[in-house]
């Protein structure tokens, strides 16, 4: 698997996990769609009697689905913004980035 895809998905997932409530809703929704697709694949493969581990191998499927959606939407700001948020979670800017997301959410909600 391409290292840049793994990194992008990792940052995207971190955004989904760490973003304040009410922010990055499209990212959270997409993560749910991809997660459900992978869960469904595992379930259906097992239903026909084959093995389907839910280990690192399914991460490759998840990454391929993420890359597919990202490439299908080259003009969508969702991906660079969510990946950037996720990348900031392991830096000293973490608290500032979270606070900015909360302020932006509150400002939008007040309109």
Protein backbone atom coordinates (compact mmCIF):
# COMPACT_ATOMS: atom_id res chain seq x y z
CA UNK A 1 0.00 0.00 0.00
CA UNK A 2 1.21 3.47 -0.87
CA UNK A 3 2.68 5.20 2.20
CA UNK A 4 1.10 8.55 1.31
CA UNK A 5 -2.36 6.97 1.21
CA UNK A 6 -1.76 5.35 4.61
CA UNK A 7 -0.63 8.68 6.05
CA UNK A 8 -3.56 10.56 4.53
CA UNK A 9 -6.07 8.04 5.89
CA UNK A 10 -4.38 8.04 9.29
CA UNK A 11 -4.65 11.83 9.50
CA UNK A 12 -8.24 11.70 8.27
CA UNK A 13 -9.15 9.14 10.95
CA UNK A 14 -7.45 11.22 13.62
CA UNK A 15 -9.56 14.19 12.53
CA UNK A 16 -12.72 12.12 12.80
CA UNK A 17 -11.75 10.90 16.27
CA UNK A 18 -10.45 14.19 17.71
CA UNK A 19 -12.57 16.89 16.06
CA UNK A 20 -14.94 18.64 18.44
CA UNK A 21 -18.60 17.69 18.40
CA UNK A 22 -20.43 19.41 15.58
CA UNK A 23 -17.32 19.92 13.43
CA UNK A 24 -16.00 18.03 10.41
CA UNK A 25 -19.41 16.45 9.92
CA UNK A 26 -18.69 15.44 6.30
CA UNK A 27 -15.48 13.71 7.40
CA UNK A 28 -17.30 11.87 10.16
CA UNK A 29 -20.03 10.83 7.75
CA UNK A 30 -17.55 9.58 5.14
CA UNK A 31 -15.63 7.64 7.80
CA UNK A 32 -18.91 5.98 8.75
CA UNK A 33 -19.70 5.06 5.15
CA UNK A 34 -16.25 3.55 4.63
CA UNK A 35 -16.41 1.72 7.96
CA UNK A 36 -19.83 0.30 7.15
CA UNK A 37 -18.62 -0.82 3.71
CA UNK A 38 -15.68 -2.67 5.25
CA UNK A 39 -17.86 -4.22 7.96
CA UNK A 40 -20.34 -5.33 5.32
CA UNK A 41 -17.59 -6.85 3.19
CA UNK A 42 -16.26 -8.85 6.15
CA UNK A 43 -19.78 -9.99 7.08
CA UNK A 44 -20.68 -11.07 3.54
CA UNK A 45 -17.39 -12.89 2.95
CA UNK A 46 -17.90 -14.80 6.20
CA UNK A 47 -21.53 -15.47 5.27
CA UNK A 48 -20.40 -17.45 2.23
CA UNK A 49 -18.04 -19.46 4.38
CA UNK A 50 -14.73 -17.77 3.71
CA UNK A 51 -12.37 -16.25 6.21
CA UNK A 52 -12.23 -12.47 6.52
CA UNK A 53 -10.01 -11.13 9.24
CA UNK A 54 -10.71 -7.67 10.58
CA UNK A 55 -7.01 -6.95 11.03
CA UNK A 56 -4.50 -4.86 9.12
CA UNK A 57 -5.63 -6.34 5.81
CA UNK A 58 -9.00 -4.59 6.03
CA UNK A 59 -7.09 -1.33 6.57
CA UNK A 60 -5.81 -1.72 3.01
CA UNK A 61 -9.39 -1.97 1.77
CA UNK A 62 -10.35 1.07 3.86
CA UNK A 63 -7.39 3.00 2.44
CA UNK A 64 -8.35 2.03 -1.11
CA UNK A 65 -11.91 3.20 -0.56
CA UNK A 66 -10.70 6.47 0.96
CA UNK A 67 -8.32 7.03 -1.95
CA UNK A 68 -11.09 6.23 -4.42
CA UNK A 69 -13.43 8.82 -2.92
CA UNK A 70 -10.63 11.38 -2.60
CA UNK A 71 -9.55 10.94 -6.24
CA UNK A 72 -13.17 11.05 -7.38
CA UNK A 73 -13.50 14.48 -5.74
CA UNK A 74 -10.29 16.34 -6.56
CA UNK A 75 -11.83 19.76 -5.89
CA UNK A 76 -13.32 18.86 -2.50
CA UNK A 77 -11.77 20.81 0.34
CA UNK A 78 -12.81 18.11 2.78
CA UNK A 79 -9.69 16.02 2.32
CA UNK A 80 -6.86 18.53 2.76
CA UNK A 81 -8.71 20.27 5.59
CA UNK A 82 -9.52 17.08 7.52
CA UNK A 83 -6.06 15.60 6.92
CA UNK A 84 -4.47 18.86 8.05
CA UNK A 85 -6.54 18.89 11.22
CA UNK A 86 -5.57 15.29 11.92
CA UNK A 87 -1.88 15.96 11.27
CA UNK A 88 -1.96 18.81 13.79
CA UNK A 89 -3.16 16.54 16.58
CA UNK A 90 0.38 15.25 17.17
CA UNK A 91 1.91 18.72 17.40
CA UNK A 92 2.13 21.56 19.89
CA UNK A 93 -0.64 23.28 17.87
CA UNK A 94 -3.21 20.65 18.92
CA UNK A 95 -5.10 22.75 21.49
CA UNK A 96 -5.08 25.85 19.28
CA UNK A 97 -6.40 23.90 16.28
CA UNK A 98 -9.19 22.35 18.36
CA UNK A 99 -10.09 25.75 19.83
CA UNK A 100 -10.22 27.28 16.33
CA UNK A 101 -12.53 24.50 15.14
CA UNK A 102 -14.82 25.12 18.12
CA UNK A 103 -14.87 28.90 17.48
CA UNK A 104 -15.61 28.36 13.79
CA UNK A 105 -18.44 25.95 14.67
CA UNK A 106 -19.90 28.39 17.19
CA UNK A 107 -19.68 31.28 14.74
CA UNK A 108 -21.42 29.30 12.00
CA UNK A 109 -24.10 28.12 14.44
CA UNK A 110 -24.81 31.70 15.51
CA UNK A 111 -25.68 32.83 11.97
